[in-house]
Amino acid sequence: MIEVTLLGTGCPLPDPRRAGPATLVRAGGRAFLFDAGRGVLMRLAAAGIPTPAFVERVFLTHLHSDHVTDFNDLVTTRWTMSLAANPLPVTGPPGTHAFAQRTIGMLRDDIDWRIEHHDDLQWGPEVVVTEIEDGVALDDGGVRVLAAPTEHKPVHPTVGYRIEHGDSSVAIAGDTVPCAGLEALCEGADVYVQTVIRPDLVRSIPSVRLQDILEYHSSCEDAGRTAAKAGVGTLVLTHPVPPPAPGAEAEWIEQAAAHFSGEIVFANDLTVVNA
């Protein structure tokens, strides 16, 4: 079984009920984190992961700010709460290594102060990055993670992931419109997690900048069509834009259900779905 916990289901627009995009996947007794939006450590703690030292690897779908806002918190807290050097393994699209190094640079003053103050802290934080666009991102201990390119231009490159363990599979799309890479990841998956927008609501908001997001996000209907074409078991809608009013969840599900007859889950923070 693969357990998927939607840690943060929000978007760039602040929402008191939704942390930033982040998904915890537990498989084979191991914990993997996908993206690191605002509040990720708080939501990890709520999901039973008290420190990022217990996260085996972080997978980033892309480097848009809302998906990596609290990456620096992961780096710092893993470092300061480990009893020995404990590098943070990170997998992401090309550009992730430079991003990680800039994060370390941003933290430089804090790193120096902590090393100076704590005699037992004789090492600095380390991030070990593997960059990937397409192919096998991880294959050991019975857990396999595949990556494929997605479409979120002008943000490029972006990737989605497919996690396989035993007979179970989960696709985590990130921000993307329907594309060949997304379809490959979703093919026959038990669970498909997709960030979604409501074009009908976005168009009603008089903001040119907000209208721009229509070009590079999946709608609920897009997600439903992708799920149906790939033959997935459960479709999980997350990262809703604009943030939905309480009680409006059924409207989002209804739009996806027009194209997909399987189970549809509208995720809130800490929603758990099993594959």
Protein backbone atom coordinates (compact mmCIF):
# COMPACT_ATOMS: atom_id res chain seq x y z
CA MET A 1 0.00 0.00 0.00
CA ILE A 2 1.03 3.58 -0.66
CA GLU A 3 -0.30 6.25 1.70
CA VAL A 4 -0.65 9.77 0.31
CA THR A 5 -1.12 12.70 2.70
CA LEU A 6 -1.95 16.06 1.16
CA LEU A 7 0.06 18.19 3.60
CA GLY A 8 -0.64 21.51 1.95
CA THR A 9 -3.36 22.08 -0.62
CA GLY A 10 -3.15 25.83 -1.09
CA CYS A 11 -1.94 28.09 -3.89
CA PRO A 12 0.02 31.37 -3.96
CA LEU A 13 -3.04 33.22 -2.60
CA PRO A 14 -2.89 33.06 1.23
CA ASP A 15 -5.64 30.95 2.75
CA PRO A 16 -5.97 30.46 6.55
CA ARG A 17 -7.15 26.88 5.97
CA ARG A 18 -4.58 25.76 3.41
CA ALA A 19 -0.79 25.55 3.63
CA GLY A 20 1.34 25.68 0.50
CA PRO A 21 1.68 22.78 -1.94
CA ALA A 22 3.31 19.71 -0.38
CA THR A 23 2.50 16.01 -0.45
CA LEU A 24 3.81 13.26 1.83
CA VAL A 25 4.05 9.75 0.38
CA ARG A 26 4.68 6.76 2.64
CA ALA A 27 5.66 3.51 0.94
CA GLY A 28 7.55 0.50 2.23
CA GLY A 29 8.02 2.09 5.64
CA ARG A 30 9.69 5.11 4.06
CA ALA A 31 8.64 8.77 3.84
CA PHE A 32 9.07 10.93 0.75
CA LEU A 33 8.12 14.59 0.36
CA PHE A 34 6.91 16.13 -2.88
CA ASP A 35 7.29 19.93 -2.98
CA ALA A 36 7.78 22.22 0.00
CA GLY A 37 5.27 25.06 0.10
CA ARG A 38 4.55 27.39 3.00
CA GLY A 39 3.97 25.68 6.33
CA VAL A 40 5.35 22.32 5.21
CA LEU A 41 7.08 21.51 8.52
CA MET A 42 3.94 22.28 10.51
CA ARG A 43 1.93 19.95 8.32
CA LEU A 44 4.65 17.25 8.45
CA ALA A 45 4.46 17.39 12.24
CA ALA A 46 0.68 17.08 12.11
CA ALA A 47 1.10 14.01 9.88
CA GLY A 48 3.41 12.34 12.40
CA ILE A 49 6.79 13.40 10.99
CA PRO A 50 8.26 15.49 13.84
CA THR A 51 11.41 16.52 11.97
CA PRO A 52 12.51 16.46 8.33
CA ALA A 53 15.35 14.19 9.46
CA PHE A 54 12.79 11.40 8.95
CA VAL A 55 12.12 12.34 5.32
CA GLU A 56 14.22 10.13 3.07
CA ARG A 57 14.13 12.33 -0.01
CA VAL A 58 12.48 15.51 -1.30
CA PHE A 59 11.15 15.56 -4.85
CA LEU A 60 10.47 18.95 -6.44
CA THR A 61 8.11 19.27 -9.39
CA HIS A 62 9.33 22.77 -10.28
CA LEU A 63 10.82 25.88 -8.74
CA HIS A 64 7.82 28.23 -8.72
CA SER A 65 7.93 30.06 -5.40
CA ASP A 66 4.74 28.61 -3.91
CA HIS A 67 6.10 25.07 -4.31
CA VAL A 68 9.47 25.78 -2.65
CA THR A 69 8.72 28.62 -0.21
CA ASP A 70 9.73 26.60 2.87
CA PHE A 71 12.53 24.56 1.32
CA ASN A 72 14.93 26.64 3.41
CA ASP A 73 13.06 25.54 6.55
CA LEU A 74 13.56 21.90 5.56
CA VAL A 75 17.29 22.48 5.10
CA THR A 76 17.80 24.35 8.37
CA THR A 77 15.62 22.16 10.57
CA ARG A 78 17.00 18.86 9.23
CA TRP A 79 20.50 20.18 9.90
CA THR A 80 19.94 21.52 13.41
CA MET A 81 17.85 18.54 14.57
CA SER A 82 20.28 15.84 13.39
CA LEU A 83 22.90 14.41 15.75
CA ALA A 84 25.42 13.93 12.95
CA ALA A 85 25.90 15.15 9.40
CA ASN A 86 22.69 14.28 7.56
CA PRO A 87 22.65 15.56 3.97
CA LEU A 88 19.22 16.23 2.48
CA PRO A 89 18.70 14.25 -0.75
CA VAL A 90 16.70 16.24 -3.29
CA THR A 91 15.49 15.30 -6.76
CA GLY A 92 14.12 17.88 -9.14
CA PRO A 93 14.27 19.28 -12.66
CA PRO A 94 17.40 20.92 -14.07
CA GLY A 95 18.06 24.10 -12.12
CA THR A 96 17.44 22.42 -8.75
CA HIS A 97 21.16 22.23 -7.88
CA ALA A 98 21.66 25.96 -8.43
CA PHE A 99 18.48 26.69 -6.45
CA ALA A 100 19.70 24.56 -3.53
CA GLN A 101 23.07 26.28 -3.50
CA ARG A 102 21.43 29.72 -3.54
CA THR A 103 19.33 28.61 -0.58
CA ILE A 104 22.48 27.61 1.35
CA GLY A 105 23.98 30.99 0.43
CA MET A 106 20.90 32.80 1.70
CA LEU A 107 21.25 30.95 5.02
CA ARG A 108 24.98 31.69 5.35
CA ASP A 109 24.77 34.13 8.28
CA ASP A 110 22.44 31.82 10.22
CA ILE A 111 24.70 28.82 9.54
CA ASP A 112 27.77 30.65 10.83
CA TRP A 113 25.97 31.88 13.97
CA ARG A 114 24.72 28.41 14.88
CA ILE A 115 28.09 26.75 14.36
CA GLU A 116 29.75 29.45 16.46
CA HIS A 117 27.19 29.06 19.26
CA HIS A 118 26.83 25.26 19.44
CA ASP A 119 30.06 23.40 20.19
CA ASP A 120 28.55 20.07 19.13
CA LEU A 121 27.52 21.38 15.73
CA GLN A 122 30.71 20.99 13.70
CA TRP A 123 29.22 20.67 10.23
CA GLY A 124 27.01 22.75 8.00
CA PRO A 125 23.83 21.78 6.16
CA GLU A 126 24.28 19.86 2.93
CA VAL A 127 21.88 19.28 0.07
CA VAL A 128 22.67 16.46 -2.38
CA VAL A 129 20.79 17.09 -5.61
CA THR A 130 19.88 14.76 -8.46
CA GLU A 131 18.45 16.53 -11.48
CA ILE A 132 16.05 14.71 -13.79
CA GLU A 133 13.56 15.44 -16.55
CA ASP A 134 12.60 11.97 -17.70
CA GLY A 135 13.30 8.46 -16.44
CA VAL A 136 13.88 6.58 -13.21
CA ALA A 137 14.35 8.94 -10.27
CA LEU A 138 14.59 6.22 -7.58
CA ASP A 139 14.56 2.42 -7.63
CA ASP A 140 15.52 0.63 -4.44
CA GLY A 141 13.98 -1.19 -1.51
CA GLY A 142 10.86 -2.04 -3.46
CA VAL A 143 10.00 1.60 -4.19
CA ARG A 144 10.29 2.99 -7.71
CA VAL A 145 9.82 6.64 -8.64
CA LEU A 146 9.57 7.69 -12.26
CA ALA A 147 9.78 11.24 -13.60
CA ALA A 148 8.37 12.68 -16.81
CA PRO A 149 8.32 16.19 -18.28
CA THR A 150 5.16 18.23 -17.82
CA GLU A 151 3.96 21.48 -19.41
CA HIS A 152 3.91 24.66 -17.33
CA LYS A 153 5.70 27.14 -19.60
CA PRO A 154 7.15 29.68 -19.25
CA VAL A 155 8.22 27.78 -16.11
CA HIS A 156 10.58 25.21 -17.60
CA PRO A 157 11.56 22.49 -17.10
CA THR A 158 8.86 21.00 -14.88
CA VAL A 159 8.30 17.36 -13.97
CA GLY A 160 5.69 15.06 -12.49
CA TYR A 161 6.32 11.82 -10.65
CA ARG A 162 4.90 8.31 -10.45
CA ILE A 163 5.51 6.27 -7.29
CA GLU A 164 5.26 2.49 -7.51
CA HIS A 165 5.36 0.01 -4.62
CA GLY A 166 4.12 -3.55 -4.92
CA ASP A 167 0.97 -3.44 -7.01
CA SER A 168 0.17 0.17 -6.09
CA SER A 169 0.94 3.34 -8.02
CA VAL A 170 0.45 7.06 -7.46
CA ALA A 171 0.93 9.93 -9.92
CA ILE A 172 1.76 13.40 -8.60
CA ALA A 173 1.42 15.94 -11.38
CA GLY A 174 2.39 19.32 -9.97
CA ASP A 175 1.37 22.34 -12.04
CA THR A 176 0.73 21.36 -15.66
CA VAL A 177 -1.74 21.31 -18.47
CA PRO A 178 -2.56 17.97 -20.12
CA CYS A 179 0.47 16.63 -22.00
CA ALA A 180 2.13 13.38 -23.07
CA GLY A 181 4.38 13.21 -20.00
CA LEU A 182 1.43 13.58 -17.65
CA GLU A 183 -0.51 10.87 -19.48
CA ALA A 184 2.43 8.47 -19.19
CA LEU A 185 2.70 9.04 -15.44
CA CYS A 186 -1.02 8.55 -14.90
CA GLU A 187 -1.48 5.44 -17.03
CA GLY A 188 -3.35 2.91 -14.88
CA ALA A 189 -2.40 4.68 -11.63
CA ASP A 190 -4.42 3.92 -8.51
CA VAL A 191 -4.26 7.58 -7.43
CA TYR A 192 -3.66 10.71 -9.51
CA VAL A 193 -3.03 14.01 -7.68
CA GLN A 194 -3.59 17.12 -9.81
CA THR A 195 -3.42 20.84 -9.04
CA VAL A 196 -6.50 22.54 -10.51
CA ILE A 197 -8.07 25.89 -11.26
CA ARG A 198 -11.64 27.03 -11.99
CA PRO A 199 -11.50 29.07 -15.23
CA ASP A 200 -15.12 30.16 -14.77
CA LEU A 201 -14.25 31.77 -11.42
CA VAL A 202 -10.88 33.14 -12.52
CA ARG A 203 -12.46 34.91 -15.50
CA SER A 204 -14.89 36.66 -13.17
CA ILE A 205 -12.06 38.35 -11.26
CA PRO A 206 -10.94 41.64 -12.87
CA SER A 207 -7.19 41.02 -12.71
CA VAL A 208 -5.11 40.67 -15.87
CA ARG A 209 -2.35 38.99 -13.90
CA LEU A 210 -4.75 36.38 -12.56
CA GLN A 211 -6.09 35.70 -16.05
CA ASP A 212 -2.59 34.66 -17.07
CA ILE A 213 -2.79 31.51 -14.93
CA LEU A 214 -5.39 30.08 -17.31
CA GLU A 215 -2.58 29.36 -19.79
CA TYR A 216 -0.62 26.85 -17.72
CA HIS A 217 -2.82 25.05 -15.18
CA SER A 218 -5.24 22.16 -15.54
CA SER A 219 -8.90 22.88 -14.95
CA CYS A 220 -11.06 20.41 -13.05
CA GLU A 221 -12.40 19.30 -16.40
CA ASP A 222 -8.85 18.81 -17.74
CA ALA A 223 -8.05 16.67 -14.71
CA GLY A 224 -11.19 14.62 -15.25
CA ARG A 225 -10.34 14.02 -18.89
CA THR A 226 -6.75 13.03 -18.06
CA ALA A 227 -7.96 10.65 -15.34
CA ALA A 228 -10.49 9.02 -17.66
CA LYS A 229 -8.02 8.65 -20.54
CA ALA A 230 -5.38 7.10 -18.26
CA GLY A 231 -7.82 4.79 -16.48
CA VAL A 232 -6.86 5.89 -12.97
CA GLY A 233 -8.69 4.72 -9.88
CA THR A 234 -8.98 7.89 -7.79
CA LEU A 235 -8.55 11.51 -8.85
CA VAL A 236 -7.41 13.94 -6.14
CA LEU A 237 -7.97 17.64 -6.76
CA THR A 238 -5.59 19.97 -4.91
CA HIS A 239 -4.09 23.50 -5.05
CA PRO A 240 -7.47 25.03 -6.04
CA VAL A 241 -7.36 28.49 -7.59
CA PRO A 242 -9.09 30.61 -6.49
CA PRO A 243 -9.37 29.30 -2.93
CA PRO A 244 -12.86 27.81 -2.64
CA ALA A 245 -15.47 29.01 -0.22
CA PRO A 246 -16.35 26.50 2.52
CA GLY A 247 -19.03 24.16 1.26
CA ALA A 248 -18.23 24.73 -2.41
CA GLU A 249 -16.17 21.56 -2.80
CA ALA A 250 -18.98 19.72 -4.62
CA GLU A 251 -18.89 22.25 -7.45
CA TRP A 252 -15.23 21.44 -8.16
CA ILE A 253 -15.89 17.70 -8.04
CA GLU A 254 -18.89 18.07 -10.34
CA GLN A 255 -16.78 19.69 -13.06
CA ALA A 256 -14.26 16.82 -12.99
CA ALA A 257 -17.03 14.22 -12.75
CA ALA A 258 -18.44 15.42 -16.07
CA HIS A 259 -15.51 13.59 -17.67
CA PHE A 260 -14.44 10.97 -15.10
CA SER A 261 -16.67 8.36 -13.49
CA GLY A 262 -14.20 7.12 -10.85
CA GLU A 263 -13.73 8.33 -7.29
CA ILE A 264 -12.90 12.02 -6.95
CA VAL A 265 -11.46 13.53 -3.76
CA PHE A 266 -11.34 17.28 -3.20
CA ALA A 267 -8.35 17.54 -0.89
CA ASN A 268 -8.02 19.62 2.25
CA ASP A 269 -4.83 19.87 4.29
CA LEU A 270 -3.98 16.46 5.82
CA THR A 271 -6.44 14.53 3.62
CA VAL A 272 -5.18 10.93 3.36
CA VAL A 273 -5.72 8.75 0.31
CA ASN A 274 -4.50 5.15 0.01
CA ALA A 275 -3.44 3.36 -3.13
